[in-house]
N, C-alpha and C. Protein backbone atom coordinates (compact mmCIF):
# COMPACT_ATOMS: atom_id res chain seq x y z
N MET A 1 0.77 -1.31 -0.06
CA MET A 1 -0.12 0.00 0.26
C MET A 1 0.63 0.92 -0.07
N GLN A 2 0.06 2.44 -0.80
CA GLN A 2 0.94 3.23 -0.69
C GLN A 2 0.39 4.56 -0.49
N LYS A 3 0.87 5.47 0.60
CA LYS A 3 -0.03 6.58 0.79
C LYS A 3 0.69 7.78 -0.15
N VAL A 4 -0.58 8.71 -0.25
CA VAL A 4 -0.14 9.97 -1.31
C VAL A 4 -0.66 10.91 -0.72
N HIS A 5 0.37 11.89 -0.10
CA HIS A 5 -0.87 13.76 -0.16
C HIS A 5 -1.49 14.01 -1.02
N LEU A 6 -2.59 14.47 -1.01
CA LEU A 6 -3.09 14.93 -2.29
C LEU A 6 -3.21 16.66 -1.97
N CYS A 7 -3.56 17.25 -1.06
CA CYS A 7 -4.01 18.55 -0.68
C CYS A 7 -3.90 18.79 0.92
N SER A 8 -4.46 19.98 1.46
CA SER A 8 -4.63 20.13 2.67
C SER A 8 -6.03 20.41 2.83
N VAL A 9 -6.78 20.16 3.86
CA VAL A 9 -7.87 20.33 4.21
C VAL A 9 -9.32 21.18 4.01
N ASP A 10 -8.34 22.47 3.92
CA ASP A 10 -8.43 23.86 3.75
C ASP A 10 -8.75 24.20 1.68
N ASP A 11 -8.14 23.30 1.10
CA ASP A 11 -7.90 22.99 0.06
C ASP A 11 -9.51 23.24 -0.99
N LEU A 12 -10.51 22.05 -0.25
CA LEU A 12 -11.83 21.87 -0.58
C LEU A 12 -12.63 22.56 0.30
N SER A 13 -14.06 23.41 -0.42
CA SER A 13 -14.88 23.35 0.63
C SER A 13 -15.94 22.68 0.91
N ASP A 14 -16.80 22.74 1.35
CA ASP A 14 -17.96 21.91 1.63
C ASP A 14 -18.85 21.24 0.22
N GLY A 15 -18.33 20.40 -0.31
CA GLY A 15 -19.46 20.32 -1.70
C GLY A 15 -19.07 20.23 -2.80
N GLU A 16 -17.83 20.68 -2.42
CA GLU A 16 -16.56 20.32 -3.96
C GLU A 16 -15.56 19.07 -3.64
N VAL A 17 -15.21 19.38 -5.40
CA VAL A 17 -14.78 18.08 -5.91
C VAL A 17 -13.61 18.18 -6.58
N LYS A 18 -12.28 17.96 -6.50
CA LYS A 18 -11.72 18.09 -7.24
C LYS A 18 -10.39 17.24 -7.66
N SER A 19 -10.00 17.05 -8.79
CA SER A 19 -8.84 15.79 -9.06
C SER A 19 -7.91 15.98 -9.16
N PHE A 20 -7.23 14.68 -9.05
CA PHE A 20 -6.05 14.52 -8.55
C PHE A 20 -5.62 13.24 -9.44
N THR A 21 -4.21 13.49 -9.71
CA THR A 21 -3.57 11.96 -9.89
C THR A 21 -1.96 11.81 -9.11
N ALA A 22 -2.56 10.69 -8.42
CA ALA A 22 -1.67 9.70 -7.33
C ALA A 22 -1.27 8.45 -7.97
N GLY A 23 -0.05 8.68 -8.02
CA GLY A 23 0.63 7.24 -8.87
C GLY A 23 0.08 7.23 -9.86
N ARG A 24 -0.48 6.09 -10.60
CA ARG A 24 -1.42 5.74 -11.86
C ARG A 24 -2.40 6.15 -11.77
N GLU A 25 -3.36 6.49 -10.47
CA GLU A 25 -4.37 6.27 -10.45
C GLU A 25 -4.93 8.30 -10.44
N LYS A 26 -6.32 8.50 -11.24
CA LYS A 26 -7.05 9.34 -11.27
C LYS A 26 -8.07 9.82 -10.50
N ILE A 27 -7.78 10.27 -9.54
CA ILE A 27 -8.66 10.72 -8.33
C ILE A 27 -9.66 11.59 -8.24
N ALA A 28 -10.70 11.41 -8.04
CA ALA A 28 -11.88 12.90 -7.60
C ALA A 28 -11.84 12.51 -6.24
N LEU A 29 -11.49 13.40 -5.93
CA LEU A 29 -11.52 13.61 -4.04
C LEU A 29 -12.65 15.10 -3.57
N VAL A 30 -13.54 14.30 -2.95
CA VAL A 30 -14.96 15.31 -2.68
C VAL A 30 -14.68 15.62 -1.03
N ARG A 31 -15.42 16.84 -0.87
CA ARG A 31 -15.48 16.99 0.41
C ARG A 31 -16.63 17.50 0.81
N ILE A 32 -17.66 16.32 2.26
CA ILE A 32 -19.07 16.34 2.97
C ILE A 32 -18.72 17.12 3.96
N GLY A 33 -18.59 18.28 4.48
CA GLY A 33 -19.11 18.61 5.98
C GLY A 33 -17.10 18.13 6.00
N GLY A 34 -17.26 17.45 7.14
CA GLY A 34 -15.51 17.29 8.04
C GLY A 34 -15.32 15.99 7.21
N GLN A 35 -16.32 15.02 6.37
CA GLN A 35 -15.50 13.70 5.46
C GLN A 35 -14.93 13.97 4.61
N PHE A 36 -14.03 13.57 3.75
CA PHE A 36 -13.53 13.32 2.61
C PHE A 36 -13.57 11.88 1.70
N TYR A 37 -14.46 12.26 0.77
CA TYR A 37 -14.31 10.48 -0.18
C TYR A 37 -13.18 10.71 -0.99
N ALA A 38 -12.87 9.38 -1.67
CA ALA A 38 -11.49 9.31 -2.35
C ALA A 38 -12.45 8.41 -4.01
N VAL A 39 -12.84 8.67 -4.77
CA VAL A 39 -13.18 7.35 -5.68
C VAL A 39 -12.13 7.82 -7.00
N GLY A 40 -12.72 7.27 -8.24
CA GLY A 40 -12.00 6.64 -9.42
C GLY A 40 -12.43 8.24 -10.22
N ASP A 41 -11.94 9.20 -10.87
CA ASP A 41 -12.19 10.47 -11.18
C ASP A 41 -12.87 9.65 -13.09
N THR A 42 -12.88 8.72 -13.29
CA THR A 42 -13.21 7.84 -14.73
C THR A 42 -14.89 7.58 -14.91
N CYS A 43 -15.39 7.81 -15.27
CA CYS A 43 -17.16 6.76 -15.29
C CYS A 43 -16.91 5.16 -15.80
N SER A 44 -17.24 4.86 -14.97
CA SER A 44 -17.44 3.30 -15.29
C SER A 44 -18.18 2.80 -16.91
N HIS A 45 -19.03 3.85 -17.19
CA HIS A 45 -20.18 3.80 -17.89
C HIS A 45 -19.27 3.94 -19.55
N ALA A 46 -18.43 5.36 -19.65
CA ALA A 46 -17.64 6.37 -20.39
C ALA A 46 -16.39 6.78 -20.16
N ASN A 47 -15.31 7.13 -20.82
CA ASN A 47 -14.38 7.61 -20.47
C ASN A 47 -14.45 9.51 -20.14
N TYR A 48 -14.91 9.70 -18.63
CA TYR A 48 -15.71 11.11 -18.69
C TYR A 48 -15.58 11.24 -17.21
N SER A 49 -14.57 12.61 -17.22
CA SER A 49 -14.24 12.45 -15.42
C SER A 49 -14.93 13.19 -14.47
N LEU A 50 -15.29 12.05 -13.21
CA LEU A 50 -16.63 12.98 -12.71
C LEU A 50 -15.97 14.14 -11.68
N SER A 51 -14.82 14.26 -12.04
CA SER A 51 -14.65 15.16 -10.92
C SER A 51 -15.45 16.84 -11.27
N GLU A 52 -15.66 16.41 -13.05
CA GLU A 52 -16.24 17.78 -13.75
C GLU A 52 -18.03 17.44 -13.46
N GLY A 53 -18.41 16.77 -12.97
CA GLY A 53 -19.86 16.61 -12.19
C GLY A 53 -20.36 17.04 -10.98
N GLU A 54 -21.77 16.91 -10.99
CA GLU A 54 -22.28 17.66 -9.81
C GLU A 54 -21.94 15.81 -8.56
N VAL A 55 -21.77 16.89 -7.43
CA VAL A 55 -21.85 16.29 -5.82
C VAL A 55 -23.24 16.61 -5.53
N TYR A 56 -23.21 15.42 -4.96
CA TYR A 56 -24.87 15.50 -4.13
C TYR A 56 -24.97 15.22 -2.61
N THR A 57 -24.41 16.37 -1.72
CA THR A 57 -24.09 16.04 -0.13
C THR A 57 -25.08 15.33 0.48
N GLU A 58 -26.40 15.87 0.14
CA GLU A 58 -27.86 15.15 0.58
C GLU A 58 -27.13 13.36 0.34
N GLU A 59 -26.92 12.82 -0.81
CA GLU A 59 -27.05 11.12 -1.28
C GLU A 59 -25.52 10.95 -0.71
N HIS A 60 -24.53 11.97 -0.95
CA HIS A 60 -23.41 11.50 -0.48
C HIS A 60 -22.97 10.76 -2.22
N SER A 61 -23.07 11.31 -3.27
CA SER A 61 -22.93 10.79 -4.52
C SER A 61 -21.96 11.83 -5.53
N ILE A 62 -21.80 11.28 -6.11
CA ILE A 62 -21.39 12.07 -7.61
C ILE A 62 -22.21 12.01 -8.56
N GLU A 63 -22.54 12.80 -9.62
CA GLU A 63 -22.69 12.69 -11.17
C GLU A 63 -21.98 12.80 -12.39
N CYS A 64 -22.12 11.56 -12.94
CA CYS A 64 -21.15 12.03 -14.17
C CYS A 64 -22.25 12.89 -15.49
N TRP A 65 -21.21 14.06 -15.74
CA TRP A 65 -21.46 15.34 -15.89
C TRP A 65 -21.95 14.73 -17.76
N LYS A 66 -21.72 13.53 -18.49
CA LYS A 66 -22.16 13.76 -19.25
C LYS A 66 -23.45 12.09 -19.76
N HIS A 67 -23.55 11.00 -18.96
CA HIS A 67 -24.74 10.83 -19.13
C HIS A 67 -25.83 10.85 -18.02
N GLY A 68 -25.40 10.99 -16.80
CA GLY A 68 -26.19 11.30 -15.90
C GLY A 68 -26.58 10.24 -14.92
N SER A 69 -25.25 9.69 -14.50
CA SER A 69 -25.02 7.99 -13.95
C SER A 69 -24.55 8.62 -12.41
N THR A 70 -24.81 8.46 -11.85
CA THR A 70 -24.47 9.06 -9.98
C THR A 70 -24.18 7.57 -9.22
N PHE A 71 -23.28 8.40 -8.94
CA PHE A 71 -22.06 6.81 -7.87
C PHE A 71 -21.44 7.20 -6.20
N SER A 72 -22.55 6.13 -5.72
CA SER A 72 -22.16 6.64 -4.34
C SER A 72 -20.38 6.87 -3.77
N LEU A 73 -20.64 7.93 -3.17
CA LEU A 73 -18.76 8.52 -2.50
C LEU A 73 -18.61 7.05 -2.07
N ALA A 74 -18.94 6.60 -1.15
CA ALA A 74 -18.93 5.28 -0.17
C ALA A 74 -18.50 4.10 -0.45
N THR A 75 -19.22 3.73 -1.28
CA THR A 75 -19.02 2.26 -1.88
C THR A 75 -18.21 1.96 -3.55
N GLY A 76 -18.59 3.18 -4.06
CA GLY A 76 -18.52 3.43 -5.62
C GLY A 76 -19.53 2.63 -6.31
N MET A 77 -20.32 2.29 -5.99
CA MET A 77 -21.51 1.39 -6.62
C MET A 77 -22.10 2.48 -7.28
N ALA A 78 -22.63 1.84 -8.71
CA ALA A 78 -23.40 2.89 -9.83
C ALA A 78 -25.16 2.58 -9.33
N LYS A 79 -25.67 4.12 -8.94
CA LYS A 79 -27.11 3.84 -8.54
C LYS A 79 -28.03 4.39 -9.74
N ASN A 80 -27.77 4.54 -10.46
CA ASN A 80 -28.33 4.21 -11.83
C ASN A 80 -27.48 4.08 -13.26
N LEU A 81 -28.61 4.07 -14.35
CA LEU A 81 -28.21 3.75 -15.74
C LEU A 81 -27.85 5.37 -16.05
N PRO A 82 -26.68 5.40 -17.29
CA PRO A 82 -26.67 3.76 -18.27
C PRO A 82 -25.40 3.24 -16.76
N ALA A 83 -24.71 3.95 -16.52
CA ALA A 83 -23.19 2.88 -15.41
C ALA A 83 -23.90 1.93 -15.18
N THR A 84 -23.83 0.76 -14.93
CA THR A 84 -23.92 -0.65 -14.06
C THR A 84 -22.40 -0.80 -13.35
N ARG A 85 -21.23 -0.88 -13.60
CA ARG A 85 -20.22 -0.71 -12.95
C ARG A 85 -19.92 0.30 -11.64
N PRO A 86 -19.27 -0.30 -11.07
CA PRO A 86 -18.89 0.84 -10.03
C PRO A 86 -17.27 1.13 -10.32
N VAL A 87 -17.72 2.08 -9.39
CA VAL A 87 -15.80 3.48 -9.73
C VAL A 87 -14.86 2.86 -8.54
N PRO A 88 -13.96 2.65 -8.74
CA PRO A 88 -12.75 2.44 -7.44
C PRO A 88 -13.08 3.60 -5.91
N VAL A 89 -13.09 3.19 -4.89
CA VAL A 89 -12.91 3.59 -4.11
C VAL A 89 -11.07 3.52 -2.69
N TYR A 90 -11.02 4.65 -2.77
CA TYR A 90 -10.20 4.78 -1.59
C TYR A 90 -9.83 4.76 -0.16
N PRO A 91 -9.21 4.18 0.67
CA PRO A 91 -9.15 5.35 1.69
C PRO A 91 -8.56 6.31 1.97
N VAL A 92 -9.31 7.30 2.67
CA VAL A 92 -8.23 8.66 2.71
C VAL A 92 -8.22 8.93 4.14
N GLU A 93 -6.82 9.73 4.04
CA GLU A 93 -6.36 9.86 5.83
C GLU A 93 -6.49 11.32 5.96
N VAL A 94 -6.95 12.12 6.48
CA VAL A 94 -6.35 12.90 7.61
C VAL A 94 -5.65 13.22 8.10
N ASP A 95 -4.60 13.59 8.37
CA ASP A 95 -3.68 14.07 9.24
C ASP A 95 -3.13 15.80 9.40
N GLY A 96 -3.71 15.96 10.80
CA GLY A 96 -4.00 17.70 10.99
C GLY A 96 -4.68 17.97 9.52
N SER A 97 -4.04 19.05 8.85
CA SER A 97 -4.45 19.75 7.73
C SER A 97 -4.18 18.99 6.51
N ASP A 98 -3.05 17.89 6.77
CA ASP A 98 -2.98 17.06 5.29
C ASP A 98 -4.08 15.52 4.76
N VAL A 99 -4.09 15.57 4.10
CA VAL A 99 -5.67 14.54 3.39
C VAL A 99 -4.73 14.13 2.60
N SER A 100 -4.82 12.77 2.52
CA SER A 100 -3.38 11.71 1.74
C SER A 100 -4.80 10.10 1.53
N VAL A 101 -4.72 9.97 0.48
CA VAL A 101 -5.14 8.40 -0.50
C VAL A 101 -4.05 7.57 -0.21
N VAL A 102 -5.25 6.41 0.18
CA VAL A 102 -4.15 5.14 0.53
C VAL A 102 -4.41 3.97 -1.08
N LEU A 103 -3.30 4.19 -1.57
CA LEU A 103 -3.26 3.07 -2.48
C LEU A 103 -2.61 1.50 -2.73
N PRO A 104 -4.04 0.97 -3.50
CA PRO A 104 -3.26 -0.62 -2.82
C PRO A 104 -1.60 -0.97 -3.57
């Protein structure tokens, strides 16, 4: 496992998403309240960036801007069509003001 620093806690506002590259992985990092979620930044239905989509804070999900599929930030599972496959989910560690992702 590899821990990769992504940003500072203050770099993301509540409900905001940003894209990062960690090793060979593209990561969409989302902040909802004090919680951070990291999912693969590519829709499993087509090759579009999830970090360009809308974050639904109440549902803890993110929407692909191109075709409208939403994905759970906690599990990566596709919540509606046309996507049927999940996106990867990565553990996030917050240490003081540093936000890191743990890669397999």
